[in-house]
PDB file of N, CA and C in Angstrom:
ATOM      1  N   MET A   1     130.327 -33.067  37.034  1.00  0.00           N
ATOM      2  CA  MET A   1     129.193 -32.305  36.520  1.00  0.00           C
ATOM      3  C   MET A   1     128.875 -31.185  37.511  1.00  0.00           C
ATOM      4  N   VAL A   2     128.518 -30.048  36.980  1.00  0.00           N
ATOM      5  CA  VAL A   2     128.126 -28.903  37.791  1.00  0.00           C
ATOM      6  C   VAL A   2     126.761 -29.185  38.396  1.00  0.00           C
ATOM      7  N   ASP A   3     126.584 -28.827  39.666  1.00  0.00           N
ATOM      8  CA  ASP A   3     125.289 -29.005  40.320  1.00  0.00           C
ATOM      9  C   ASP A   3     124.262 -28.156  39.571  1.00  0.00           C
ATOM     10  N   PRO A   4     123.187 -28.790  39.049  1.00  0.00           N
ATOM     11  CA  PRO A   4     122.195 -28.025  38.272  1.00  0.00           C
ATOM     12  C   PRO A   4     121.599 -26.844  39.034  1.00  0.00           C
ATOM     13  N   ASP A   5     121.551 -26.936  40.374  1.00  0.00           N
ATOM     14  CA  ASP A   5     121.006 -25.827  41.157  1.00  0.00           C
ATOM     15  C   ASP A   5     121.983 -24.652  41.217  1.00  0.00           C
ATOM     16  N   LYS A   6     123.283 -24.926  41.028  1.00  0.00           N
ATOM     17  CA  LYS A   6     124.292 -23.873  41.085  1.00  0.00           C
ATOM     18  C   LYS A   6     124.772 -23.466  39.695  1.00  0.00           C
ATOM     19  N   LEU A   7     124.121 -23.973  38.678  1.00  0.00           N
ATOM     20  CA  LEU A   7     124.491 -23.675  37.298  1.00  0.00           C
ATOM     21  C   LEU A   7     124.217 -22.203  37.000  1.00  0.00           C
ATOM     22  N   ASN A   8     125.201 -21.522  36.435  1.00  0.00           N
ATOM     23  CA  ASN A   8     125.045 -20.103  36.102  1.00  0.00           C
ATOM     24  C   ASN A   8     124.453 -19.980  34.697  1.00  0.00           C
ATOM     25  N   ILE A   9     123.141 -20.098  34.636  1.00  0.00           N
ATOM     26  CA  ILE A   9     122.441 -20.080  33.352  1.00  0.00           C
ATOM     27  C   ILE A   9     122.588 -18.724  32.669  1.00  0.00           C
ATOM     28  N   ASP A  10     122.609 -17.648  33.446  1.00  0.00           N
ATOM     29  CA  ASP A  10     122.762 -16.312  32.860  1.00  0.00           C
ATOM     30  C   ASP A  10     124.085 -16.192  32.104  1.00  0.00           C
ATOM     31  N   SER A  11     125.139 -16.780  32.649  1.00  0.00           N
ATOM     32  CA  SER A  11     126.446 -16.749  31.991  1.00  0.00           C
ATOM     33  C   SER A  11     126.415 -17.528  30.678  1.00  0.00           C
ATOM     34  N   ILE A  12     125.768 -18.677  30.685  1.00  0.00           N
ATOM     35  CA  ILE A  12     125.665 -19.493  29.472  1.00  0.00           C
ATOM     36  C   ILE A  12     124.878 -18.741  28.402  1.00  0.00           C
ATOM     37  N   ILE A  13     123.759 -18.147  28.793  1.00  0.00           N
ATOM     38  CA  ILE A  13     122.942 -17.383  27.842  1.00  0.00           C
ATOM     39  C   ILE A  13     123.737 -16.206  27.284  1.00  0.00           C
ATOM     40  N   ALA A  14     124.484 -15.516  28.141  1.00  0.00           N
ATOM     41  CA  ALA A  14     125.284 -14.374  27.688  1.00  0.00           C
ATOM     42  C   ALA A  14     126.321 -14.811  26.660  1.00  0.00           C
ATOM     43  N   ARG A  15     126.992 -15.939  26.912  1.00  0.00           N
ATOM     44  CA  ARG A  15     127.993 -16.431  25.957  1.00  0.00           C
ATOM     45  C   ARG A  15     127.351 -16.825  24.632  1.00  0.00           C
ATOM     46  N   LEU A  16     126.161 -17.404  24.691  1.00  0.00           N
ATOM     47  CA  LEU A  16     125.469 -17.782  23.457  1.00  0.00           C
ATOM     48  C   LEU A  16     125.016 -16.548  22.676  1.00  0.00           C
ATOM     49  N   LEU A  17     124.567 -15.523  23.392  1.00  0.00           N
ATOM     50  CA  LEU A  17     124.099 -14.308  22.722  1.00  0.00           C
ATOM     51  C   LEU A  17     125.242 -13.477  22.143  1.00  0.00           C
ATOM     52  N   GLU A  18     126.459 -13.645  22.682  1.00  0.00           N
ATOM     53  CA  GLU A  18     127.608 -12.896  22.172  1.00  0.00           C
ATOM     54  C   GLU A  18     127.864 -13.180  20.696  1.00  0.00           C
ATOM     55  N   VAL A  19     127.562 -14.380  20.256  1.00  0.00           N
ATOM     56  CA  VAL A  19     127.850 -14.767  18.870  1.00  0.00           C
ATOM     57  C   VAL A  19     126.628 -14.637  17.965  1.00  0.00           C
ATOM     58  N   ARG A  20     125.601 -14.009  18.451  1.00  0.00           N
ATOM     59  CA  ARG A  20     124.341 -13.907  17.707  1.00  0.00           C
ATOM     60  C   ARG A  20     124.532 -13.323  16.312  1.00  0.00           C
ATOM     61  N   GLY A  21     125.268 -12.256  16.158  1.00  0.00           N
ATOM     62  CA  GLY A  21     125.434 -11.609  14.858  1.00  0.00           C
ATOM     63  C   GLY A  21     126.611 -12.142  14.059  1.00  0.00           C
ATOM     64  N   SER A  22     127.312 -13.112  14.588  1.00  0.00           N
ATOM     65  CA  SER A  22     128.496 -13.657  13.914  1.00  0.00           C
ATOM     66  C   SER A  22     128.107 -14.604  12.791  1.00  0.00           C
ATOM     67  N   ARG A  23     129.128 -15.032  12.078  1.00  0.00           N
ATOM     68  CA  ARG A  23     128.910 -15.984  10.983  1.00  0.00           C
ATOM     69  C   ARG A  23     128.365 -17.297  11.536  1.00  0.00           C
ATOM     70  N   PRO A  24     127.548 -17.995  10.768  1.00  0.00           N
ATOM     71  CA  PRO A  24     127.043 -19.304  11.209  1.00  0.00           C
ATOM     72  C   PRO A  24     128.201 -20.271  11.436  1.00  0.00           C
ATOM     73  N   GLY A  25     128.093 -21.069  12.459  1.00  0.00           N
ATOM     74  CA  GLY A  25     129.119 -22.059  12.761  1.00  0.00           C
ATOM     75  C   GLY A  25     130.170 -21.575  13.742  1.00  0.00           C
ATOM     76  N   LYS A  26     130.053 -20.337  14.222  1.00  0.00           N
ATOM     77  CA  LYS A  26     131.016 -19.823  15.200  1.00  0.00           C
ATOM     78  C   LYS A  26     130.864 -20.606  16.496  1.00  0.00           C
ATOM     79  N   ASN A  27     131.989 -21.022  17.066  1.00  0.00           N
ATOM     80  CA  ASN A  27     131.979 -21.844  18.272  1.00  0.00           C
ATOM     81  C   ASN A  27     131.753 -21.015  19.525  1.00  0.00           C
ATOM     82  N   VAL A  28     131.076 -21.613  20.491  1.00  0.00           N
ATOM     83  CA  VAL A  28     130.873 -21.028  21.813  1.00  0.00           C
ATOM     84  C   VAL A  28     131.522 -21.980  22.806  1.00  0.00           C
ATOM     85  N   GLN A  29     132.321 -21.434  23.705  1.00  0.00           N
ATOM     86  CA  GLN A  29     133.033 -22.273  24.661  1.00  0.00           C
ATOM     87  C   GLN A  29     132.130 -22.617  25.845  1.00  0.00           C
ATOM     88  N   LEU A  30     131.646 -23.859  25.859  1.00  0.00           N
ATOM     89  CA  LEU A  30     130.888 -24.398  26.982  1.00  0.00           C
ATOM     90  C   LEU A  30     131.554 -25.701  27.383  1.00  0.00           C
ATOM     91  N   SER A  31     131.725 -25.898  28.680  1.00  0.00           N
ATOM     92  CA  SER A  31     132.341 -27.143  29.127  1.00  0.00           C
ATOM     93  C   SER A  31     131.334 -28.282  29.031  1.00  0.00           C
ATOM     94  N   GLU A  32     131.863 -29.487  28.994  1.00  0.00           N
ATOM     95  CA  GLU A  32     130.993 -30.664  28.952  1.00  0.00           C
ATOM     96  C   GLU A  32     130.100 -30.704  30.184  1.00  0.00           C
ATOM     97  N   ALA A  33     130.654 -30.326  31.337  1.00  0.00           N
ATOM     98  CA  ALA A  33     129.879 -30.327  32.579  1.00  0.00           C
ATOM     99  C   ALA A  33     128.729 -29.334  32.506  1.00  0.00           C
ATOM    100  N   GLU A  34     128.967 -28.153  31.910  1.00  0.00           N
ATOM    101  CA  GLU A  34     127.899 -27.159  31.773  1.00  0.00           C
ATOM    102  C   GLU A  34     126.786 -27.680  30.875  1.00  0.00           C
ATOM    103  N   ILE A  35     127.160 -28.322  29.779  1.00  0.00           N
ATOM    104  CA  ILE A  35     126.161 -28.845  28.844  1.00  0.00           C
ATOM    105  C   ILE A  35     125.346 -29.949  29.498  1.00  0.00           C
ATOM    106  N   LYS A  36     126.017 -30.858  30.207  1.00  0.00           N
ATOM    107  CA  LYS A  36     125.304 -31.946  30.889  1.00  0.00           C
ATOM    108  C   LYS A  36     124.356 -31.395  31.948  1.00  0.00           C
ATOM    109  N   SER A  37     124.842 -30.433  32.734  1.00  0.00           N
ATOM    110  CA  SER A  37     124.000 -29.851  33.786  1.00  0.00           C
ATOM    111  C   SER A  37     122.815 -29.104  33.197  1.00  0.00           C
ATOM    112  N   LEU A  38     123.042 -28.420  32.083  1.00  0.00           N
ATOM    113  CA  LEU A  38     121.962 -27.708  31.403  1.00  0.00           C
ATOM    114  C   LEU A  38     120.908 -28.689  30.909  1.00  0.00           C
ATOM    115  N   CYS A  39     121.339 -29.827  30.380  1.00  0.00           N
ATOM    116  CA  CYS A  39     120.405 -30.866  29.918  1.00  0.00           C
ATOM    117  C   CYS A  39     119.613 -31.449  31.082  1.00  0.00           C
ATOM    118  N   VAL A  40     120.294 -31.714  32.210  1.00  0.00           N
ATOM    119  CA  VAL A  40     119.617 -32.270  33.385  1.00  0.00           C
ATOM    120  C   VAL A  40     118.561 -31.295  33.895  1.00  0.00           C
ATOM    121  N   LYS A  41     118.938 -30.021  34.010  1.00  0.00           N
ATOM    122  CA  LYS A  41     118.005 -29.001  34.507  1.00  0.00           C
ATOM    123  C   LYS A  41     116.827 -28.831  33.549  1.00  0.00           C
ATOM    124  N   SER A  42     117.102 -28.827  32.244  1.00  0.00           N
ATOM    125  CA  SER A  42     116.033 -28.700  31.245  1.00  0.00           C
ATOM    126  C   SER A  42     115.072 -29.873  31.335  1.00  0.00           C
ATOM    127  N   ARG A  43     115.626 -31.064  31.493  1.00  0.00           N
ATOM    128  CA  ARG A  43     114.796 -32.269  31.605  1.00  0.00           C
ATOM    129  C   ARG A  43     113.872 -32.176  32.820  1.00  0.00           C
ATOM    130  N   GLU A  44     114.430 -31.731  33.960  1.00  0.00           N
ATOM    131  CA  GLU A  44     113.622 -31.569  35.174  1.00  0.00           C
ATOM    132  C   GLU A  44     112.458 -30.617  34.923  1.00  0.00           C
ATOM    133  N   ILE A  45     112.741 -29.518  34.249  1.00  0.00           N
ATOM    134  CA  ILE A  45     111.701 -28.516  33.991  1.00  0.00           C
ATOM    135  C   ILE A  45     110.628 -29.074  33.064  1.00  0.00           C
ATOM    136  N   PHE A  46     111.043 -29.746  31.977  1.00  0.00           N
ATOM    137  CA  PHE A  46     110.065 -30.323  31.049  1.00  0.00           C
ATOM    138  C   PHE A  46     109.218 -31.390  31.726  1.00  0.00           C
ATOM    139  N   LEU A  47     109.822 -32.228  32.558  1.00  0.00           N
ATOM    140  CA  LEU A  47     109.072 -33.297  33.219  1.00  0.00           C
ATOM    141  C   LEU A  47     108.127 -32.766  34.295  1.00  0.00           C
ATOM    142  N   SER A  48     108.400 -31.567  34.808  1.00  0.00           N
ATOM    143  CA  SER A  48     107.524 -31.000  35.832  1.00  0.00           C
ATOM    144  C   SER A  48     106.262 -30.381  35.224  1.00  0.00           C
ATOM    145  N   GLN A  49     106.254 -30.193  33.900  1.00  0.00           N
ATOM    146  CA  GLN A  49     105.111 -29.598  33.213  1.00  0.00           C
ATOM    147  C   GLN A  49     104.071 -30.670  32.900  1.00  0.00           C
ATOM    148  N   PRO A  50     102.794 -30.308  32.894  1.00  0.00           N
ATOM    149  CA  PRO A  50     101.758 -31.287  32.545  1.00  0.00           C
ATOM    150  C   PRO A  50     101.906 -31.727  31.088  1.00  0.00           C
ATOM    151  N   ILE A  51     101.670 -33.006  30.875  1.00  0.00           N
ATOM    152  CA  ILE A  51     101.815 -33.565  29.531  1.00  0.00           C
ATOM    153  C   ILE A  51     100.542 -33.360  28.720  1.00  0.00           C
ATOM    154  N   LEU A  52      99.419 -33.459  29.356  1.00  0.00           N
ATOM    155  CA  LEU A  52      98.138 -33.368  28.660  1.00  0.00           C
ATOM    156  C   LEU A  52      97.454 -32.041  28.955  1.00  0.00           C
ATOM    157  N   LEU A  53      96.698 -31.584  28.003  1.00  0.00           N
ATOM    158  CA  LEU A  53      95.848 -30.419  28.208  1.00  0.00           C
ATOM    159  C   LEU A  53      94.473 -30.902  28.627  1.00  0.00           C
ATOM    160  N   GLU A  54      93.920 -30.278  29.630  1.00  0.00           N
ATOM    161  CA  GLU A  54      92.567 -30.637  30.045  1.00  0.00           C
ATOM    162  C   GLU A  54      91.595 -29.737  29.284  1.00  0.00           C
ATOM    163  N   LEU A  55      90.878 -30.333  28.344  1.00  0.00           N
ATOM    164  CA  LEU A  55      89.936 -29.600  27.505  1.00  0.00           C
ATOM    165  C   LEU A  55      88.536 -30.140  27.725  1.00  0.00           C
ATOM    166  N   GLU A  56      87.552 -29.291  27.490  1.00  0.00           N
ATOM    167  CA  GLU A  56      86.166 -29.724  27.646  1.00  0.00           C
ATOM    168  C   GLU A  56      85.495 -29.794  26.282  1.00  0.00           C
ATOM    169  N   ALA A  57      84.629 -30.752  26.129  1.00  0.00           N
ATOM    170  CA  ALA A  57      83.883 -30.940  24.876  1.00  0.00           C
ATOM    171  C   ALA A  57      82.737 -29.942  24.819  1.00  0.00           C
ATOM    172  N   PRO A  58      82.272 -29.574  23.675  1.00  0.00           N
ATOM    173  CA  PRO A  58      82.782 -29.924  22.354  1.00  0.00           C
ATOM    174  C   PRO A  58      84.031 -29.110  22.047  1.00  0.00           C
ATOM    175  N   LEU A  59      84.914 -29.696  21.292  1.00  0.00           N
ATOM    176  CA  LEU A  59      86.169 -29.068  20.924  1.00  0.00           C
ATOM    177  C   LEU A  59      86.141 -28.763  19.431  1.00  0.00           C
ATOM    178  N   LYS A  60      86.324 -27.505  19.073  1.00  0.00           N
ATOM    179  CA  LYS A  60      86.292 -27.108  17.666  1.00  0.00           C
ATOM    180  C   LYS A  60      87.719 -26.818  17.221  1.00  0.00           C
ATOM    181  N   ILE A  61      88.176 -27.562  16.221  1.00  0.00           N
ATOM    182  CA  ILE A  61      89.517 -27.373  15.679  1.00  0.00           C
ATOM    183  C   ILE A  61      89.384 -26.793  14.285  1.00  0.00           C
ATOM    184  N   CYS A  62      89.959 -25.627  14.071  1.00  0.00           N
ATOM    185  CA  CYS A  62      89.865 -24.952  12.766  1.00  0.00           C
ATOM    186  C   CYS A  62      91.150 -25.079  12.009  1.00  0.00           C
TER     187      CYS A  62
END
């Protein structure tokens, strides 16, 4: 697996954007290691975010 800190996210995004205007279902070449590292890094980022919103009463929901 690629070290998530050394993962070249810009390269992955560029490859994904290359097929933006193509037909649906066009394949993008990503290695299994890149996908796993991307998932690990994404998980770290999501888990570092607060889960709950701190809100004060009264709360009006429209």
